[in-house]
């Protein structure tokens, strides 16, 4: 997977600005159900926001890194408890993909 350039990230951030979080991660961290939902959301939408409800910023960052590595996605931006994550879909659906609809 090639890494995102600065202009790619800028473009994805502009699309992601109006999105709402579709995956929420609570105190129990990355459970199997969360991983399945993350996988589905990335395959459907390609660009998603994830809300990580962990108080400690270091722990939160670790969880976001773990989430990206496990789902083979790339972190576009992380501000507070919200992470913007991108992974290209194998067959993007024009009605669901946040990139194709933008």
C-alpha atoms as a PDB file:
ATOM      1  CA  UNK A   1       0.000   0.000   0.000  1.00  0.00           C
ATOM      2  CA  UNK A   2       1.450   3.343  -0.997  1.00  0.00           C
ATOM      3  CA  UNK A   3       1.461   6.109   1.572  1.00  0.00           C
ATOM      4  CA  UNK A   4      -0.613   9.228   1.108  1.00  0.00           C
ATOM      5  CA  UNK A   5       1.019  12.439  -0.080  1.00  0.00           C
ATOM      6  CA  UNK A   6       0.353  15.738   1.648  1.00  0.00           C
ATOM      7  CA  UNK A   7      -2.012  16.804  -1.157  1.00  0.00           C
ATOM      8  CA  UNK A   8      -3.854  13.445  -0.937  1.00  0.00           C
ATOM      9  CA  UNK A   9      -4.339  13.968   2.791  1.00  0.00           C
ATOM     10  CA  UNK A  10      -5.524  17.542   2.248  1.00  0.00           C
ATOM     11  CA  UNK A  11      -8.099  16.344  -0.297  1.00  0.00           C
ATOM     12  CA  UNK A  12      -9.292  13.518   2.001  1.00  0.00           C
ATOM     13  CA  UNK A  13      -9.542  15.906   4.976  1.00  0.00           C
ATOM     14  CA  UNK A  14     -11.751  18.252   2.931  1.00  0.00           C
ATOM     15  CA  UNK A  15     -14.089  15.348   2.119  1.00  0.00           C
ATOM     16  CA  UNK A  16     -13.937  13.979   5.669  1.00  0.00           C
ATOM     17  CA  UNK A  17     -14.766  17.308   7.298  1.00  0.00           C
ATOM     18  CA  UNK A  18     -18.524  16.856   6.859  1.00  0.00           C
ATOM     19  CA  UNK A  19     -18.601  13.143   7.801  1.00  0.00           C
ATOM     20  CA  UNK A  20     -19.909  11.809  11.092  1.00  0.00           C
ATOM     21  CA  UNK A  21     -18.188   8.979  12.986  1.00  0.00           C
ATOM     22  CA  UNK A  22     -19.489   5.578  11.822  1.00  0.00           C
ATOM     23  CA  UNK A  23     -17.449   3.397  14.179  1.00  0.00           C
ATOM     24  CA  UNK A  24     -17.196   3.986  17.935  1.00  0.00           C
ATOM     25  CA  UNK A  25     -14.533   2.388  20.108  1.00  0.00           C
ATOM     26  CA  UNK A  26     -15.203   2.337  23.834  1.00  0.00           C
ATOM     27  CA  UNK A  27     -13.265   1.391  26.950  1.00  0.00           C
ATOM     28  CA  UNK A  28     -13.060  -2.272  25.924  1.00  0.00           C
ATOM     29  CA  UNK A  29     -10.906  -1.371  22.926  1.00  0.00           C
ATOM     30  CA  UNK A  30     -10.844  -3.292  19.652  1.00  0.00           C
ATOM     31  CA  UNK A  31     -13.291  -6.137  20.123  1.00  0.00           C
ATOM     32  CA  UNK A  32     -14.090  -8.572  17.334  1.00  0.00           C
ATOM     33  CA  UNK A  33     -17.411  -6.803  16.685  1.00  0.00           C
ATOM     34  CA  UNK A  34     -15.678  -3.430  16.348  1.00  0.00           C
ATOM     35  CA  UNK A  35     -13.138  -4.912  13.912  1.00  0.00           C
ATOM     36  CA  UNK A  36     -15.920  -6.423  11.786  1.00  0.00           C
ATOM     37  CA  UNK A  37     -17.823  -3.128  11.718  1.00  0.00           C
ATOM     38  CA  UNK A  38     -14.633  -1.252  10.835  1.00  0.00           C
ATOM     39  CA  UNK A  39     -13.951  -3.690   7.977  1.00  0.00           C
ATOM     40  CA  UNK A  40     -17.497  -3.274   6.615  1.00  0.00           C
ATOM     41  CA  UNK A  41     -17.409   0.514   6.912  1.00  0.00           C
ATOM     42  CA  UNK A  42     -14.047   0.792   5.142  1.00  0.00           C
ATOM     43  CA  UNK A  43     -15.148  -1.516   2.332  1.00  0.00           C
ATOM     44  CA  UNK A  44     -18.410   0.440   1.874  1.00  0.00           C
ATOM     45  CA  UNK A  45     -17.241   4.018   2.398  1.00  0.00           C
ATOM     46  CA  UNK A  46     -13.415   3.993   1.950  1.00  0.00           C
ATOM     47  CA  UNK A  47     -13.045   7.167   4.050  1.00  0.00           C
ATOM     48  CA  UNK A  48     -14.546   7.060   7.540  1.00  0.00           C
ATOM     49  CA  UNK A  49     -14.390   8.774  10.894  1.00  0.00           C
ATOM     50  CA  UNK A  50     -13.800   6.669  13.985  1.00  0.00           C
ATOM     51  CA  UNK A  51     -14.537   7.940  17.499  1.00  0.00           C
ATOM     52  CA  UNK A  52     -12.172   6.566  20.136  1.00  0.00           C
ATOM     53  CA  UNK A  53     -13.631   7.075  23.619  1.00  0.00           C
ATOM     54  CA  UNK A  54     -10.402   6.713  25.607  1.00  0.00           C
ATOM     55  CA  UNK A  55      -9.414   9.468  28.020  1.00  0.00           C
ATOM     56  CA  UNK A  56      -5.605   9.006  27.916  1.00  0.00           C
ATOM     57  CA  UNK A  57      -4.163  10.600  24.725  1.00  0.00           C
ATOM     58  CA  UNK A  58      -1.242   8.146  24.567  1.00  0.00           C
ATOM     59  CA  UNK A  59      -3.549   5.143  24.871  1.00  0.00           C
ATOM     60  CA  UNK A  60      -5.887   6.675  22.294  1.00  0.00           C
ATOM     61  CA  UNK A  61      -3.036   7.140  19.800  1.00  0.00           C
ATOM     62  CA  UNK A  62      -1.866   3.556  20.385  1.00  0.00           C
ATOM     63  CA  UNK A  63      -5.399   2.264  19.764  1.00  0.00           C
ATOM     64  CA  UNK A  64      -5.697   4.292  16.529  1.00  0.00           C
ATOM     65  CA  UNK A  65      -2.346   2.923  15.304  1.00  0.00           C
ATOM     66  CA  UNK A  66      -3.445  -0.613  16.185  1.00  0.00           C
ATOM     67  CA  UNK A  67      -6.765  -0.062  14.384  1.00  0.00           C
ATOM     68  CA  UNK A  68      -5.012   1.162  11.214  1.00  0.00           C
ATOM     69  CA  UNK A  69      -2.495  -1.665  11.200  1.00  0.00           C
ATOM     70  CA  UNK A  70      -5.155  -4.339  11.790  1.00  0.00           C
ATOM     71  CA  UNK A  71      -7.431  -3.034   9.023  1.00  0.00           C
ATOM     72  CA  UNK A  72      -4.616  -2.135   6.580  1.00  0.00           C
ATOM     73  CA  UNK A  73      -5.960   1.430   6.530  1.00  0.00           C
ATOM     74  CA  UNK A  74      -4.119   4.732   6.630  1.00  0.00           C
ATOM     75  CA  UNK A  75      -4.604   7.463   9.175  1.00  0.00           C
ATOM     76  CA  UNK A  76      -5.398  10.741   7.426  1.00  0.00           C
ATOM     77  CA  UNK A  77      -5.886  12.851  10.550  1.00  0.00           C
ATOM     78  CA  UNK A  78      -6.485  12.471  14.282  1.00  0.00           C
ATOM     79  CA  UNK A  79      -7.929  15.338  16.292  1.00  0.00           C
ATOM     80  CA  UNK A  80      -8.979  14.685  19.863  1.00  0.00           C
ATOM     81  CA  UNK A  81     -11.079  11.522  19.980  1.00  0.00           C
ATOM     82  CA  UNK A  82     -11.846  11.490  16.232  1.00  0.00           C
ATOM     83  CA  UNK A  83      -9.671   9.728  13.657  1.00  0.00           C
ATOM     84  CA  UNK A  84     -10.153  10.033   9.906  1.00  0.00           C
ATOM     85  CA  UNK A  85      -9.161   6.723   8.295  1.00  0.00           C
ATOM     86  CA  UNK A  86      -8.813   5.778   4.621  1.00  0.00           C
ATOM     87  CA  UNK A  87      -8.520   2.495   2.757  1.00  0.00           C
ATOM     88  CA  UNK A  88      -9.278   2.071  -0.939  1.00  0.00           C
ATOM     89  CA  UNK A  89     -12.075  -0.448  -1.569  1.00  0.00           C
ATOM     90  CA  UNK A  90     -11.526  -3.401  -3.897  1.00  0.00           C
ATOM     91  CA  UNK A  91     -14.751  -2.565  -5.774  1.00  0.00           C
ATOM     92  CA  UNK A  92     -16.055   0.848  -4.663  1.00  0.00           C
ATOM     93  CA  UNK A  93     -19.822   1.248  -4.659  1.00  0.00           C
ATOM     94  CA  UNK A  94     -20.665   4.684  -6.165  1.00  0.00           C
ATOM     95  CA  UNK A  95     -23.717   5.028  -3.891  1.00  0.00           C
ATOM     96  CA  UNK A  96     -21.784   4.319  -0.683  1.00  0.00           C
ATOM     97  CA  UNK A  97     -18.209   5.513  -1.262  1.00  0.00           C
ATOM     98  CA  UNK A  98     -17.542   8.869   0.385  1.00  0.00           C
ATOM     99  CA  UNK A  99     -14.864   9.531  -2.245  1.00  0.00           C
ATOM    100  CA  UNK A 100     -17.024   8.875  -5.297  1.00  0.00           C
ATOM    101  CA  UNK A 101     -19.941  10.872  -3.874  1.00  0.00           C
ATOM    102  CA  UNK A 102     -17.811  13.914  -3.014  1.00  0.00           C
END
